[in-house]
Amino acid sequence: MGRVVLVTGVAGTFASRVSRTLAELGENPVDGTAIDRVVGLDTRPPDGDLGGVKFVRADIRTPVVGKVMAVEDVDTVVHLDVNPPDRSRAGSGAKERNVIGTMQLLAACQRSATVTKLVLGSSTAVYGTSPKDPALFTESSAAQGGVRSGFPKDSVEVENYVRGFSRRRPEVIITILRLAQVLHPDIDTPLRNYFQNPALPTALGFDPRLQFTHLDDALDVFSEAVLRDRPGTFNVAGDGVVTLSQATRRLGKPVIPLPPVGFAAAARRAIRVMGGDLPPDLNRLLTYGRAVDTSALREIFGFELKHTSEEVFEEFRASQRPGILAALGGRR
């Protein structure tokens, strides 16, 4: 018998890719672990094809999620329904979905007699962003600032609830993957949306360091966490950094330099004029940046990412209107 995997937030572009990848996996040639069935859960159907994933329309903020686990005999939960604010999900606050949804999901896992593994898709946003940040955050580092509100605070709260669940159900294997943002033209993330604007607001006097995760690496690390037992908390990000000035120069896009005081409000207004949006916490990342150490992923989890942050960015850059970039000479 193989695993039965429940993936939450499956309408999201990244979660739908993860669920489809898991459904396509055959028997693991190393330890014989197989995946029999993948169930995708969300309040709305995904835009793309889920392939062999069974979609169930349900809300993790309600007790229905527990019934789905029982009916489907779920033994592995991949929780990917923790996300920044999304304008396409009007009428439902991100805070409620992220925190209340996680609490209800964990309550269902607590009652389940079949769940033996929980994989949480978290974010490096748990470290916040601050001028006091270390050069590299390790998994044991404490946030220096910037987690008092918004998505970073939600991420911290979600991880705390998961650790509380782990104390109540110590036999359940818990893997927390803290991803730097996936940068890919088809994956909806705040940095992708920011870079796709025709002009890019920046904070005068600041040149933040950024890290990215390649989509293939992210899919592989989630597959590894599901197929094998890898308990613990792990940073996931391409090695190295790309500064914001390097990114804007390579994209060949004009910048809008703004005073650091009031940068958040000014940048958000500028991006809204261009038809986009700027999540409240992204302005801090675009000011102070953030970088994490991934030694534990290599040495304890046993996984080597194939792409550096620079390689991820260059692949993304090549996908953005290549004709115009070529005409600009691919300035770096």
Protein backbone atom coordinates (compact mmCIF):
# COMPACT_ATOMS: atom_id res chain seq x y z
CA MET A 1 0.00 0.00 0.00
CA GLY A 2 1.28 3.45 -0.92
CA ARG A 3 0.72 6.82 0.66
CA VAL A 4 -2.50 8.79 0.40
CA VAL A 5 -1.55 12.47 0.30
CA LEU A 6 -3.76 15.47 1.00
CA VAL A 7 -2.51 18.78 -0.45
CA THR A 8 -4.18 21.97 0.81
CA GLY A 9 -4.51 25.22 -1.15
CA VAL A 10 -4.42 23.28 -4.41
CA ALA A 11 -5.95 26.14 -6.42
CA GLY A 12 -2.70 28.05 -6.00
CA THR A 13 -0.28 27.81 -8.91
CA PHE A 14 2.52 26.33 -6.82
CA ALA A 15 0.36 23.93 -4.80
CA SER A 16 -1.26 22.63 -7.98
CA ARG A 17 2.21 21.87 -9.40
CA VAL A 18 3.22 20.07 -6.21
CA SER A 19 0.05 17.96 -6.16
CA ARG A 20 0.36 17.02 -9.84
CA THR A 21 4.03 16.10 -9.37
CA LEU A 22 3.18 13.86 -6.42
CA ALA A 23 0.39 12.19 -8.39
CA GLU A 24 2.80 11.44 -11.24
CA LEU A 25 5.40 9.79 -9.01
CA GLY A 26 5.71 6.05 -9.38
CA GLU A 27 7.29 3.65 -6.95
CA ASN A 28 10.38 4.96 -5.24
CA PRO A 29 13.31 2.80 -6.40
CA VAL A 30 15.26 3.42 -3.17
CA ASP A 31 12.91 2.40 -0.37
CA GLY A 32 9.83 1.12 -2.19
CA THR A 33 7.59 3.94 -1.03
CA ALA A 34 4.78 4.68 -3.46
CA ILE A 35 1.97 7.20 -3.68
CA ASP A 36 -1.40 5.61 -4.32
CA ARG A 37 -3.56 8.70 -4.37
CA VAL A 38 -3.31 12.50 -4.11
CA VAL A 39 -6.29 14.54 -2.95
CA GLY A 40 -6.28 18.29 -3.57
CA LEU A 41 -8.32 20.55 -1.31
CA ASP A 42 -9.40 24.16 -1.84
CA THR A 43 -12.42 26.44 -1.80
CA ARG A 44 -12.18 26.97 -5.56
CA PRO A 45 -11.08 24.78 -8.45
CA PRO A 46 -7.59 25.35 -9.85
CA ASP A 47 -7.16 27.12 -13.18
CA GLY A 48 -4.92 24.43 -14.66
CA ASP A 49 -5.16 20.68 -15.12
CA LEU A 50 -4.48 18.64 -11.99
CA GLY A 51 -3.88 15.44 -13.91
CA GLY A 52 -4.44 12.44 -11.64
CA VAL A 53 -5.19 14.51 -8.54
CA LYS A 54 -8.63 14.09 -7.02
CA PHE A 55 -10.02 17.57 -6.34
CA VAL A 56 -12.32 18.14 -3.37
CA ARG A 57 -13.94 21.52 -2.97
CA ALA A 58 -13.81 22.23 0.75
CA ASP A 59 -12.59 24.84 3.21
CA ILE A 60 -9.88 23.89 5.71
CA ARG A 61 -11.40 26.44 8.10
CA THR A 62 -14.36 24.11 8.60
CA PRO A 63 -14.69 20.61 10.11
CA VAL A 64 -15.24 19.24 6.60
CA VAL A 65 -11.47 18.75 6.26
CA GLY A 66 -11.58 16.08 8.96
CA LYS A 67 -14.30 14.21 7.08
CA VAL A 68 -12.23 14.31 3.90
CA MET A 69 -9.25 12.83 5.77
CA ALA A 70 -11.40 10.03 7.16
CA VAL A 71 -13.14 9.18 3.89
CA GLU A 72 -9.91 9.19 1.87
CA ASP A 73 -7.76 7.44 4.55
CA VAL A 74 -5.18 10.23 4.33
CA ASP A 75 -1.83 9.43 5.94
CA THR A 76 0.26 12.37 4.66
CA VAL A 77 -0.75 16.03 4.72
CA VAL A 78 1.10 18.65 2.65
CA HIS A 79 -0.07 22.04 3.89
CA LEU A 80 0.43 24.70 1.22
CA ASP A 81 -2.51 26.99 2.02
CA VAL A 82 -0.41 29.62 3.83
CA ASN A 83 0.01 32.55 1.48
CA PRO A 84 0.38 36.35 1.24
CA PRO A 85 -2.79 38.39 0.56
CA ASP A 86 -4.37 37.48 -2.77
CA ARG A 87 -6.68 39.98 -4.47
CA SER A 88 -8.29 37.15 -6.48
CA ARG A 89 -9.74 35.69 -3.27
CA ALA A 90 -11.95 38.61 -2.36
CA GLY A 91 -14.12 38.32 0.71
CA SER A 92 -11.74 36.06 2.60
CA GLY A 93 -8.90 37.56 4.61
CA ALA A 94 -5.45 36.07 4.32
CA LYS A 95 -5.04 36.06 8.11
CA GLU A 96 -8.14 33.94 8.57
CA ARG A 97 -7.15 31.49 5.85
CA ASN A 98 -3.57 31.17 7.03
CA VAL A 99 -3.99 30.96 10.80
CA ILE A 100 -7.56 29.79 11.42
CA GLY A 101 -7.30 27.39 8.49
CA THR A 102 -4.11 25.89 9.91
CA MET A 103 -5.66 25.52 13.38
CA GLN A 104 -8.65 23.66 11.93
CA LEU A 105 -6.42 21.47 9.76
CA LEU A 106 -4.24 20.54 12.75
CA ALA A 107 -7.32 19.77 14.82
CA ALA A 108 -8.40 17.35 12.07
CA CYS A 109 -4.92 15.79 12.05
CA GLN A 110 -5.10 15.49 15.85
CA ARG A 111 -8.32 13.47 15.59
CA SER A 112 -7.17 11.37 12.65
CA ALA A 113 -6.14 7.78 13.27
CA THR A 114 -4.37 7.52 9.92
CA VAL A 115 -2.21 10.66 9.59
CA THR A 116 1.46 9.85 10.17
CA LYS A 117 3.21 12.73 8.39
CA LEU A 118 2.75 16.47 7.98
CA VAL A 119 4.80 18.56 5.56
CA LEU A 120 4.40 22.32 5.97
CA GLY A 121 5.25 24.68 3.14
CA SER A 122 6.53 27.65 5.14
CA SER A 123 8.55 30.69 4.09
CA THR A 124 11.82 32.43 4.88
CA ALA A 125 9.51 35.34 5.75
CA VAL A 126 9.49 33.90 9.30
CA TYR A 127 12.88 35.63 9.78
CA GLY A 128 11.41 39.01 8.95
CA THR A 129 13.48 41.80 7.44
CA SER A 130 15.46 44.31 9.44
CA PRO A 131 18.65 46.39 9.26
CA LYS A 132 19.85 44.23 12.20
CA ASP A 133 19.63 40.97 10.24
CA PRO A 134 22.64 38.62 10.16
CA ALA A 135 24.38 37.90 6.86
CA LEU A 136 22.67 34.49 6.76
CA PHE A 137 19.76 33.18 8.80
CA THR A 138 20.01 29.61 10.06
CA GLU A 139 16.99 27.59 11.13
CA SER A 140 17.70 28.45 14.77
CA SER A 141 17.98 32.20 14.15
CA ALA A 142 15.46 34.54 15.74
CA ALA A 143 13.77 37.26 13.73
CA GLN A 144 15.30 40.67 14.34
CA GLY A 145 12.21 42.60 13.22
CA GLY A 146 9.52 42.88 10.60
CA VAL A 147 7.30 40.03 11.80
CA ARG A 148 4.81 42.06 13.77
CA SER A 149 2.11 41.96 11.10
CA GLY A 150 1.11 40.57 7.74
CA PHE A 151 2.33 37.39 6.09
CA PRO A 152 5.57 37.09 8.13
CA LYS A 153 3.57 37.12 11.36
CA ASP A 154 1.11 34.59 9.91
CA SER A 155 4.03 32.31 8.97
CA VAL A 156 5.48 32.49 12.48
CA GLU A 157 2.10 31.72 14.06
CA VAL A 158 1.49 28.81 11.69
CA GLU A 159 4.87 27.26 12.54
CA ASN A 160 4.16 27.68 16.25
CA TYR A 161 0.84 25.86 15.91
CA VAL A 162 2.55 23.06 13.98
CA ARG A 163 5.18 22.68 16.71
CA GLY A 164 2.39 22.56 19.29
CA PHE A 165 0.74 19.79 17.29
CA SER A 166 4.06 17.94 17.19
CA ARG A 167 4.20 17.95 21.00
CA ARG A 168 0.69 16.52 21.18
CA ARG A 169 1.30 13.90 18.50
CA PRO A 170 5.04 13.12 18.72
CA GLU A 171 4.62 10.00 16.58
CA VAL A 172 3.66 12.13 13.54
CA ILE A 173 6.66 13.05 11.39
CA ILE A 174 6.80 16.84 10.92
CA THR A 175 8.81 18.49 8.14
CA ILE A 176 8.83 22.28 7.83
CA LEU A 177 10.26 23.65 4.58
CA ARG A 178 11.04 27.37 4.68
CA LEU A 179 11.22 28.39 1.05
CA ALA A 180 12.64 31.55 -0.42
CA GLN A 181 10.17 32.69 -3.07
CA VAL A 182 9.89 30.54 -6.16
CA LEU A 183 10.71 32.74 -9.16
CA HIS A 184 9.02 31.38 -12.29
CA PRO A 185 6.81 33.07 -14.89
CA ASP A 186 3.92 30.66 -14.20
CA ILE A 187 4.03 30.71 -10.39
CA ASP A 188 2.19 33.55 -8.66
CA THR A 189 4.55 35.01 -6.06
CA PRO A 190 5.03 38.61 -4.86
CA LEU A 191 8.54 38.92 -6.34
CA ARG A 192 7.45 37.56 -9.71
CA ASN A 193 4.60 40.07 -9.79
CA TYR A 194 6.94 42.88 -8.75
CA PHE A 195 9.52 42.10 -11.44
CA GLN A 196 6.82 41.95 -14.12
CA ASN A 197 5.91 45.61 -13.64
CA PRO A 198 7.08 47.95 -16.44
CA ALA A 199 9.00 50.07 -13.90
CA LEU A 200 10.34 49.03 -10.50
CA PRO A 201 10.12 51.18 -7.35
CA THR A 202 13.26 51.01 -5.21
CA ALA A 203 14.29 52.58 -1.90
CA LEU A 204 16.99 55.22 -2.22
CA GLY A 205 20.22 54.20 -0.52
CA PHE A 206 19.32 50.50 -0.21
CA ASP A 207 20.36 47.55 -2.36
CA PRO A 208 18.78 44.46 -0.77
CA ARG A 209 20.12 40.94 -1.24
CA LEU A 210 17.51 38.52 -2.61
CA GLN A 211 17.37 34.75 -2.86
CA PHE A 212 15.13 32.61 -5.04
CA THR A 213 14.09 28.97 -5.30
CA HIS A 214 13.88 27.19 -8.65
CA LEU A 215 10.50 25.56 -9.32
CA ASP A 216 12.05 22.17 -10.12
CA ASP A 217 14.08 22.23 -6.88
CA ALA A 218 10.98 23.12 -4.87
CA LEU A 219 8.98 20.28 -6.44
CA ASP A 220 11.81 17.83 -5.82
CA VAL A 221 12.26 18.77 -2.16
CA PHE A 222 8.53 18.38 -1.44
CA SER A 223 8.53 15.02 -3.20
CA GLU A 224 11.52 13.95 -1.10
CA ALA A 225 9.79 15.03 2.11
CA VAL A 226 6.67 13.02 1.21
CA LEU A 227 8.42 9.86 0.00
CA ARG A 228 11.02 9.71 2.78
CA ASP A 229 11.05 10.56 6.47
CA ARG A 230 12.87 13.86 6.91
CA PRO A 231 11.75 15.39 10.24
CA GLY A 232 12.91 18.89 11.09
CA THR A 233 12.91 22.48 9.85
CA PHE A 234 14.91 23.36 6.75
CA ASN A 235 15.69 26.49 4.74
CA VAL A 236 15.24 26.07 0.98
CA ALA A 237 16.87 28.68 -1.29
CA GLY A 238 19.29 28.77 -4.17
CA ASP A 239 22.87 29.40 -3.11
CA GLY A 240 24.19 32.94 -3.39
CA VAL A 241 22.26 36.18 -3.72
CA VAL A 242 21.13 38.63 -6.38
CA THR A 243 20.99 42.28 -5.37
CA LEU A 244 18.00 44.34 -6.42
CA SER A 245 20.20 46.67 -8.48
CA GLN A 246 21.58 43.67 -10.40
CA ALA A 247 18.05 42.38 -10.98
CA THR A 248 16.66 45.66 -12.31
CA ARG A 249 19.71 46.19 -14.55
CA ARG A 250 19.51 42.69 -16.03
CA LEU A 251 15.79 43.03 -16.66
CA GLY A 252 16.49 46.28 -18.50
CA LYS A 253 13.66 48.05 -16.70
CA PRO A 254 13.62 51.62 -15.40
CA VAL A 255 13.62 52.10 -11.65
CA ILE A 256 11.56 54.57 -9.65
CA PRO A 257 13.84 55.68 -6.79
CA LEU A 258 11.75 56.64 -3.75
CA PRO A 259 12.72 57.98 -0.31
CA PRO A 260 13.03 55.17 2.26
CA VAL A 261 10.72 57.09 4.62
CA GLY A 262 7.26 56.36 3.33
CA PHE A 263 8.60 53.90 0.74
CA ALA A 264 5.85 51.33 1.38
CA ALA A 265 2.96 53.68 0.63
CA ALA A 266 4.69 55.40 -2.29
CA ALA A 267 5.76 52.13 -3.92
CA ARG A 268 2.30 50.66 -3.55
CA ARG A 269 0.72 53.70 -5.19
CA ALA A 270 3.21 53.56 -8.06
CA ILE A 271 2.57 49.86 -8.69
CA ARG A 272 -1.20 50.29 -8.50
CA VAL A 273 -0.96 52.94 -11.22
CA MET A 274 0.74 50.27 -13.34
CA GLY A 275 -2.12 47.85 -12.62
CA GLY A 276 -0.30 45.73 -10.04
CA ASP A 277 -0.22 45.39 -6.28
CA LEU A 278 2.46 45.32 -3.58
CA PRO A 279 1.85 43.08 -0.56
CA PRO A 280 2.43 45.03 2.67
CA ASP A 281 5.46 42.98 3.77
CA LEU A 282 7.25 43.04 0.39
CA ASN A 283 8.34 46.65 0.84
CA ARG A 284 10.59 45.60 3.75
CA LEU A 285 12.18 42.85 1.67
CA LEU A 286 12.79 45.39 -1.11
CA THR A 287 14.51 47.62 1.45
CA TYR A 288 16.57 45.33 3.68
CA GLY A 289 16.62 42.03 1.78
CA ARG A 290 17.17 38.62 3.37
CA ALA A 291 19.46 35.61 2.89
CA VAL A 292 19.42 32.17 4.53
CA ASP A 293 21.86 29.35 5.11
CA THR A 294 20.92 26.00 3.55
CA SER A 295 23.57 23.77 5.15
CA ALA A 296 20.94 21.79 7.07
CA LEU A 297 19.11 20.96 3.85
CA ARG A 298 22.28 19.42 2.45
CA GLU A 299 23.73 17.83 5.57
CA ILE A 300 20.64 16.70 7.53
CA PHE A 301 17.79 16.50 5.03
CA GLY A 302 20.22 15.12 2.44
CA PHE A 303 19.14 17.21 -0.54
CA GLU A 304 21.25 19.32 -2.87
CA LEU A 305 19.54 22.10 -4.79
CA LYS A 306 20.50 22.10 -8.47
CA HIS A 307 20.11 25.85 -9.13
CA THR A 308 21.71 28.90 -7.55
CA SER A 309 19.70 32.08 -6.95
CA GLU A 310 21.51 33.72 -9.86
CA GLU A 311 20.64 30.84 -12.19
CA VAL A 312 17.00 31.02 -11.11
CA PHE A 313 16.91 34.74 -11.83
CA GLU A 314 18.64 34.40 -15.21
CA GLU A 315 16.14 31.76 -16.30
CA PHE A 316 13.30 34.02 -15.23
CA ARG A 317 14.87 37.02 -16.99
CA ALA A 318 15.17 35.06 -20.23
CA SER A 319 11.44 34.31 -20.10
CA GLN A 320 10.43 37.97 -19.83
CA ARG A 321 9.75 39.45 -23.29
CA PRO A 322 13.04 38.18 -24.73
CA GLY A 323 12.73 40.27 -27.91
CA ILE A 324 12.79 43.55 -25.98
CA LEU A 325 15.58 42.34 -23.69
CA ALA A 326 17.66 41.36 -26.71
CA ALA A 327 17.12 44.79 -28.23
CA LEU A 328 18.38 46.32 -24.99
CA GLY A 329 21.47 44.16 -25.22
CA GLY A 330 20.61 42.15 -22.09
CA ARG A 331 22.22 44.83 -19.95
CA ARG A 332 23.72 43.55 -16.71
